[in-house]
């Protein structure tokens, strides 16, 4: 089982690269600003736990910079974990269509990133516009596709 999880983790890292590429391409093409929800989520977690990222204070540049780094790191962790789920599912149900697993990986990554933000009140997907949904779904589907391709191409028995 460890073999499948490690392959899934590597595939999830590849999927995360695809998700980031599609997101940054969208930002470049539409001149769309970066999302502030990852940093806002970190701030909410700080408030909830009483944690401090710096002795300089909650509104310091140092803390803001740490939030800017921690938010994307959580996204990477979500992608790697979603890839591991792909590996686990693939090992458990080897005959499931890869396309179905790819969509599942994209959904897992989406839920893994959006659910904590929604639970903390940072965002409410029920209030998102169609444009916001497309901006969120397309990168996550690219995540699922890249994760599935990376996983399947890494099969050492082929």
Protein backbone atom coordinates (compact mmCIF):
# COMPACT_ATOMS: atom_id res chain seq x y z
CA UNK A 1 0.00 0.00 0.00
CA UNK A 2 2.88 2.37 0.76
CA UNK A 3 3.99 2.09 -2.87
CA UNK A 4 0.61 3.36 -4.08
CA UNK A 5 0.58 6.20 -1.56
CA UNK A 6 4.07 7.36 -2.52
CA UNK A 7 3.21 7.23 -6.22
CA UNK A 8 0.04 9.15 -5.40
CA UNK A 9 1.97 11.78 -3.45
CA UNK A 10 4.31 12.34 -6.40
CA UNK A 11 1.36 12.44 -8.79
CA UNK A 12 -0.37 14.94 -6.49
CA UNK A 13 2.73 17.14 -6.62
CA UNK A 14 2.55 17.03 -10.43
CA UNK A 15 -1.15 17.83 -10.25
CA UNK A 16 -0.44 20.76 -7.95
CA UNK A 17 2.02 22.11 -10.51
CA UNK A 18 -0.68 21.85 -13.19
CA UNK A 19 -3.24 23.57 -10.94
CA UNK A 20 -0.81 26.41 -10.20
CA UNK A 21 0.09 26.73 -13.88
CA UNK A 22 -3.54 27.01 -14.96
CA UNK A 23 -4.28 29.45 -12.11
CA UNK A 24 -1.32 31.70 -12.91
CA UNK A 25 -2.09 31.56 -16.62
CA UNK A 26 -5.66 32.69 -15.86
CA UNK A 27 -4.30 35.51 -13.71
CA UNK A 28 -1.90 36.59 -16.46
CA UNK A 29 -4.46 36.42 -19.27
CA UNK A 30 -7.29 38.16 -17.42
CA UNK A 31 -5.12 40.41 -15.22
CA UNK A 32 -6.88 38.82 -12.27
CA UNK A 33 -5.36 39.41 -8.84
CA UNK A 34 -4.21 36.56 -6.66
CA UNK A 35 -6.73 35.20 -4.19
CA UNK A 36 -6.35 36.45 -0.64
CA UNK A 37 -8.32 33.55 0.84
CA UNK A 38 -5.26 31.45 1.77
CA UNK A 39 -3.78 34.30 3.84
CA UNK A 40 -7.18 35.11 5.33
CA UNK A 41 -7.57 31.44 6.30
CA UNK A 42 -4.21 31.50 8.07
CA UNK A 43 -5.21 34.68 9.91
CA UNK A 44 -8.49 33.05 11.00
CA UNK A 45 -6.57 30.03 12.26
CA UNK A 46 -4.26 32.36 14.20
CA UNK A 47 -7.27 34.03 15.80
CA UNK A 48 -8.92 30.71 16.57
CA UNK A 49 -5.83 29.17 18.17
CA UNK A 50 -4.24 32.27 19.64
CA UNK A 51 -1.07 31.48 17.69
CA UNK A 52 1.34 34.18 16.59
CA UNK A 53 3.56 33.92 13.55
CA UNK A 54 5.88 36.66 14.77
CA UNK A 55 6.71 38.51 17.94
CA UNK A 56 6.46 41.69 15.87
CA UNK A 57 2.65 41.49 16.04
CA UNK A 58 -0.43 40.38 14.18
CA UNK A 59 -0.36 43.19 11.63
CA UNK A 60 3.40 43.18 11.09
CA UNK A 61 5.00 42.76 7.69
CA UNK A 62 6.78 39.69 9.05
CA UNK A 63 3.48 37.96 9.90
CA UNK A 64 1.96 38.97 6.57
CA UNK A 65 4.94 37.49 4.77
CA UNK A 66 4.63 34.27 6.74
CA UNK A 67 0.93 34.05 5.89
CA UNK A 68 1.84 34.55 2.22
CA UNK A 69 4.14 31.54 2.46
CA UNK A 70 2.01 29.28 4.65
CA UNK A 71 -1.15 29.63 2.52
CA UNK A 72 0.44 28.16 -0.62
CA UNK A 73 2.23 25.50 1.44
CA UNK A 74 -1.17 24.33 2.68
CA UNK A 75 -2.29 24.18 -0.96
CA UNK A 76 0.69 21.99 -1.81
CA UNK A 77 -0.08 19.74 1.16
CA UNK A 78 -3.69 19.45 -0.01
CA UNK A 79 -2.52 18.50 -3.50
CA UNK A 80 -0.10 15.87 -2.24
CA UNK A 81 -2.75 14.44 0.11
CA UNK A 82 -5.30 14.34 -2.73
CA UNK A 83 -2.75 12.50 -4.86
CA UNK A 84 -2.30 9.98 -2.05
CA UNK A 85 -6.07 9.48 -2.05
CA UNK A 86 -5.86 8.85 -5.78
CA UNK A 87 -3.19 6.20 -5.17
CA UNK A 88 -5.24 4.59 -2.42
CA UNK A 89 -8.36 4.52 -4.59
CA UNK A 90 -6.44 3.17 -7.57
CA UNK A 91 -4.95 0.35 -5.50
CA UNK A 92 -8.33 -0.52 -3.96
CA UNK A 93 -10.37 -0.28 -7.18
CA UNK A 94 -7.93 -0.90 -10.06
CA UNK A 95 -10.71 -1.28 -12.63
CA UNK A 96 -12.34 2.09 -12.06
CA UNK A 97 -11.99 4.28 -15.14
CA UNK A 98 -9.03 6.63 -14.90
CA UNK A 99 -11.25 9.52 -16.04
CA UNK A 100 -13.55 8.96 -13.06
CA UNK A 101 -10.58 8.86 -10.68
CA UNK A 102 -9.17 12.02 -12.29
CA UNK A 103 -12.42 13.89 -11.65
CA UNK A 104 -12.46 12.47 -8.13
CA UNK A 105 -8.94 13.74 -7.51
CA UNK A 106 -9.93 17.20 -8.72
CA UNK A 107 -12.99 17.19 -6.47
CA UNK A 108 -10.91 15.98 -3.51
CA UNK A 109 -8.41 18.79 -4.02
CA UNK A 110 -11.22 21.32 -4.37
CA UNK A 111 -13.00 20.15 -1.23
CA UNK A 112 -9.71 19.88 0.65
CA UNK A 113 -8.96 23.52 -0.02
CA UNK A 114 -12.44 25.04 0.03
CA UNK A 115 -14.02 23.21 2.98
CA UNK A 116 -11.65 24.60 5.64
CA UNK A 117 -12.09 28.11 4.25
CA UNK A 118 -15.87 27.74 4.27
CA UNK A 119 -15.83 26.27 7.79
CA UNK A 120 -13.82 29.27 9.02
CA UNK A 121 -16.17 31.73 7.29
CA UNK A 122 -13.51 32.94 4.85
CA UNK A 123 -15.65 32.13 1.82
CA UNK A 124 -19.05 30.71 1.00
CA UNK A 125 -19.14 28.74 -2.27
CA UNK A 126 -22.94 29.05 -2.33
CA UNK A 127 -22.45 32.76 -3.01
CA UNK A 128 -19.82 32.42 -5.75
CA UNK A 129 -20.59 33.75 -9.20
CA UNK A 130 -20.42 31.50 -12.26
CA UNK A 131 -17.12 33.14 -13.17
CA UNK A 132 -15.71 32.35 -9.73
CA UNK A 133 -16.80 28.72 -10.03
CA UNK A 134 -15.11 28.40 -13.43
CA UNK A 135 -11.95 30.03 -12.04
CA UNK A 136 -11.97 27.40 -9.30
CA UNK A 137 -13.16 24.30 -11.15
CA UNK A 138 -10.93 24.50 -14.23
CA UNK A 139 -7.64 24.47 -12.26
CA UNK A 140 -8.93 21.66 -10.05
CA UNK A 141 -9.92 19.57 -13.05
CA UNK A 142 -6.45 20.17 -14.49
CA UNK A 143 -5.12 18.97 -11.12
CA UNK A 144 -7.14 15.77 -11.42
CA UNK A 145 -6.06 15.14 -15.00
CA UNK A 146 -2.36 15.77 -14.31
CA UNK A 147 -2.50 13.68 -11.13
CA UNK A 148 -4.09 10.76 -12.97
CA UNK A 149 -1.65 10.99 -15.88
CA UNK A 150 1.39 11.23 -13.60
CA UNK A 151 0.19 8.32 -11.51
CA UNK A 152 -0.64 6.08 -14.44
CA UNK A 153 2.59 6.92 -16.28
CA UNK A 154 4.63 6.08 -13.17
CA UNK A 155 3.39 2.49 -13.16
CA UNK A 156 6.54 0.41 -13.03
CA UNK A 157 4.76 -2.74 -14.22
CA UNK A 158 3.98 -1.34 -17.67
